[in-house]
């Protein structure tokens, strides 16, 4: 399976058909993937970020290769971004709010924004599986992890304000503000 992305030479020419020289392709069956060293067992999954390869700007795409017994990431849902999952090879179990489904090669599923789009993809087979996850790229973004009671906020790529916290650490809106009860001036 090959994904193609055409990129016009300039924004003023957006209505013209770009030349073949501007065509970028990624083969989902043969694309090289790599591991992050710090991923714990259960989430040790190789991946490739396809957006930069295709010069994409509005959609993100990651190709994952899941070894047996591994998941892409913890059960979560997104605020601000929709995600789609396409099984490229092998079989994966997708956990969602209504249970689990086994997805076969060629099957595509959409995870909508909010709790109804909660999901986790796991390979329970004896051979590796490949999946493509596509996502809108709207900032700021937030992910909620119901099993562990965490929430992550990502204002923009590379922002120092990105944070993952326990939902139980909630504070009142006025907590720490000057003039509110219990707040100390700085």
Protein backbone atom coordinates (compact mmCIF):
# COMPACT_ATOMS: atom_id res chain seq x y z
CA UNK A 1 0.00 0.00 0.00
CA UNK A 2 1.46 3.34 -1.05
CA UNK A 3 0.33 6.76 0.13
CA UNK A 4 1.07 9.68 -2.19
CA UNK A 5 1.14 13.36 -1.37
CA UNK A 6 1.32 16.04 -4.05
CA UNK A 7 2.80 19.35 -3.02
CA UNK A 8 2.36 22.44 -5.22
CA UNK A 9 5.50 24.48 -5.89
CA UNK A 10 3.97 27.62 -4.39
CA UNK A 11 0.75 28.62 -2.67
CA UNK A 12 -0.17 30.84 -5.62
CA UNK A 13 -0.22 27.77 -7.84
CA UNK A 14 -2.43 25.69 -5.58
CA UNK A 15 -4.96 25.08 -8.38
CA UNK A 16 -2.37 23.68 -10.79
CA UNK A 17 -1.39 20.04 -10.96
CA UNK A 18 2.12 19.63 -9.52
CA UNK A 19 4.87 17.96 -11.50
CA UNK A 20 5.91 14.39 -10.84
CA UNK A 21 9.10 15.78 -9.27
CA UNK A 22 6.97 17.10 -6.38
CA UNK A 23 5.44 13.68 -5.67
CA UNK A 24 6.51 12.05 -2.41
CA UNK A 25 5.57 8.44 -1.60
CA UNK A 26 5.77 6.16 1.41
CA UNK A 27 5.22 2.41 1.10
CA UNK A 28 3.36 1.27 4.22
CA UNK A 29 4.54 -2.32 3.78
CA UNK A 30 8.28 -1.57 3.50
CA UNK A 31 8.76 1.77 5.28
CA UNK A 32 11.58 1.62 7.85
CA UNK A 33 10.46 2.04 11.46
CA UNK A 34 12.46 2.58 14.66
CA UNK A 35 12.03 2.13 18.40
CA UNK A 36 12.28 4.68 21.23
CA UNK A 37 14.71 3.44 23.86
CA UNK A 38 12.60 4.52 26.85
CA UNK A 39 9.36 2.73 25.98
CA UNK A 40 8.39 0.20 28.67
CA UNK A 41 7.48 -3.42 27.96
CA UNK A 42 3.91 -3.56 26.73
CA UNK A 43 4.46 -0.39 24.68
CA UNK A 44 7.73 -1.21 22.90
CA UNK A 45 6.50 -0.42 19.40
CA UNK A 46 8.49 0.76 16.38
CA UNK A 47 7.17 3.68 14.36
CA UNK A 48 7.81 6.19 11.59
CA UNK A 49 6.33 9.71 11.42
CA UNK A 50 5.01 10.03 7.88
CA UNK A 51 3.95 13.69 7.87
CA UNK A 52 7.49 15.06 7.53
CA UNK A 53 8.30 12.45 4.85
CA UNK A 54 5.32 13.60 2.78
CA UNK A 55 5.65 17.31 3.71
CA UNK A 56 2.20 17.14 5.29
CA UNK A 57 0.95 20.05 7.36
CA UNK A 58 -2.69 19.50 8.31
CA UNK A 59 -2.71 15.75 9.01
CA UNK A 60 -0.35 13.67 11.07
CA UNK A 61 0.37 10.09 10.17
CA UNK A 62 2.39 7.48 11.99
CA UNK A 63 3.13 3.95 10.86
CA UNK A 64 3.51 1.55 13.77
CA UNK A 65 4.91 -1.96 13.82
CA UNK A 66 3.65 -3.80 16.88
CA UNK A 67 5.59 -6.85 18.02
CA UNK A 68 3.54 -9.61 19.67
CA UNK A 69 2.10 -8.52 23.04
CA UNK A 70 2.74 -4.80 22.52
CA UNK A 71 0.38 -1.80 22.34
CA UNK A 72 0.80 1.57 20.66
CA UNK A 73 -0.08 3.66 23.71
CA UNK A 74 -2.27 3.48 26.83
CA UNK A 75 -6.07 3.59 26.56
CA UNK A 76 -6.92 7.24 25.88
CA UNK A 77 -9.11 9.73 24.09
CA UNK A 78 -8.36 13.06 22.50
CA UNK A 79 -9.83 16.53 22.90
CA UNK A 80 -9.28 18.58 19.75
CA UNK A 81 -8.14 15.87 17.35
CA UNK A 82 -9.76 12.96 15.56
CA UNK A 83 -7.74 9.81 14.92
CA UNK A 84 -8.17 7.04 12.34
CA UNK A 85 -6.52 3.60 12.45
CA UNK A 86 -5.89 1.43 9.37
CA UNK A 87 -4.57 -2.12 9.74
CA UNK A 88 -1.85 -2.58 7.12
CA UNK A 89 -0.67 -6.10 8.09
CA UNK A 90 -1.48 -8.61 10.81
CA UNK A 91 -4.35 -8.35 13.25
CA UNK A 92 -4.84 -5.94 16.14
CA UNK A 93 -7.28 -5.82 19.01
CA UNK A 94 -8.82 -2.39 19.48
CA UNK A 95 -10.24 -1.64 22.90
CA UNK A 96 -12.98 1.02 22.89
CA UNK A 97 -15.73 2.18 25.28
CA UNK A 98 -18.08 -0.66 24.22
CA UNK A 99 -15.54 -3.49 24.43
CA UNK A 100 -12.98 -4.89 22.00
CA UNK A 101 -12.83 -5.72 18.30
CA UNK A 102 -10.24 -7.62 16.28
CA UNK A 103 -9.32 -5.70 13.13
CA UNK A 104 -7.96 -7.41 10.01
CA UNK A 105 -5.70 -6.03 7.25
CA UNK A 106 -7.47 -3.32 5.26
CA UNK A 107 -9.94 -2.44 8.03
CA UNK A 108 -10.21 1.22 8.96
CA UNK A 109 -11.77 2.73 12.09
CA UNK A 110 -12.31 6.31 13.26
CA UNK A 111 -11.89 7.47 16.86
CA UNK A 112 -13.94 10.66 17.29
CA UNK A 113 -13.03 13.49 19.63
CA UNK A 114 -14.02 12.94 23.27
CA UNK A 115 -14.73 9.94 25.52
CA UNK A 116 -16.66 8.06 22.82
CA UNK A 117 -13.39 7.90 20.84
CA UNK A 118 -11.35 6.25 23.61
CA UNK A 119 -9.09 3.51 22.26
CA UNK A 120 -6.04 1.29 22.63
CA UNK A 121 -4.53 -0.92 19.91
CA UNK A 122 -2.75 -4.14 20.94
CA UNK A 123 -1.16 -7.01 19.02
CA UNK A 124 -2.21 -10.31 20.64
CA UNK A 125 -0.98 -12.43 17.72
CA UNK A 126 2.33 -14.33 17.41
CA UNK A 127 3.58 -12.22 14.49
CA UNK A 128 4.14 -8.49 14.11
CA UNK A 129 1.32 -6.20 12.94
CA UNK A 130 1.49 -2.86 11.12
CA UNK A 131 -1.03 -0.07 11.56
CA UNK A 132 -1.29 3.45 10.23
CA UNK A 133 -2.75 6.09 12.52
CA UNK A 134 -3.86 9.36 10.93
CA UNK A 135 -4.80 12.39 13.01
CA UNK A 136 -5.82 15.96 12.56
CA UNK A 137 -3.17 18.36 13.88
CA UNK A 138 -5.07 20.98 15.84
CA UNK A 139 -3.26 22.79 18.66
CA UNK A 140 -3.68 22.96 21.54
CA UNK A 141 -4.40 19.26 22.01
CA UNK A 142 -5.33 17.24 25.07
CA UNK A 143 -5.35 13.51 25.79
CA UNK A 144 -7.16 11.85 28.69
CA UNK A 145 -5.98 8.50 30.07
CA UNK A 146 -8.97 7.06 32.00
CA UNK A 147 -7.18 3.94 33.33
CA UNK A 148 -4.42 5.92 35.03
CA UNK A 149 -6.32 9.15 35.79
CA UNK A 150 -3.99 11.40 33.79
CA UNK A 151 -4.49 14.23 31.33
CA UNK A 152 -1.90 15.59 28.91
CA UNK A 153 -1.95 19.07 27.40
CA UNK A 154 0.13 19.96 24.33
CA UNK A 155 -0.15 23.68 23.42
CA UNK A 156 2.08 23.37 20.31
CA UNK A 157 4.93 21.16 19.15
CA UNK A 158 8.00 21.76 21.29
CA UNK A 159 6.21 24.01 23.79
CA UNK A 160 7.65 24.11 27.29
CA UNK A 161 4.06 24.36 28.56
CA UNK A 162 3.32 20.73 27.55
CA UNK A 163 2.38 18.73 30.64
CA UNK A 164 0.93 15.42 31.82
CA UNK A 165 -0.69 15.53 35.27
CA UNK A 166 -2.96 13.45 37.45
CA UNK A 167 -6.57 14.54 37.16
CA UNK A 168 -6.80 14.25 40.96
CA UNK A 169 -4.47 17.28 41.26
CA UNK A 170 -7.31 19.62 40.22
CA UNK A 171 -7.35 22.98 41.92
CA UNK A 172 -9.97 25.71 42.09
CA UNK A 173 -9.86 28.35 39.34
CA UNK A 174 -8.81 31.03 41.89
CA UNK A 175 -6.23 28.87 43.69
CA UNK A 176 -2.98 30.85 44.11
CA UNK A 177 -4.37 34.08 42.64
CA UNK A 178 -3.75 37.34 44.46
CA UNK A 179 -6.74 38.37 46.50
CA UNK A 180 -8.26 34.87 46.72
CA UNK A 181 -8.69 33.10 50.03
CA UNK A 182 -5.46 31.41 51.09
CA UNK A 183 -3.33 32.97 48.35
CA UNK A 184 -0.11 34.64 49.33
CA UNK A 185 1.17 37.65 47.39
CA UNK A 186 4.53 37.15 45.73
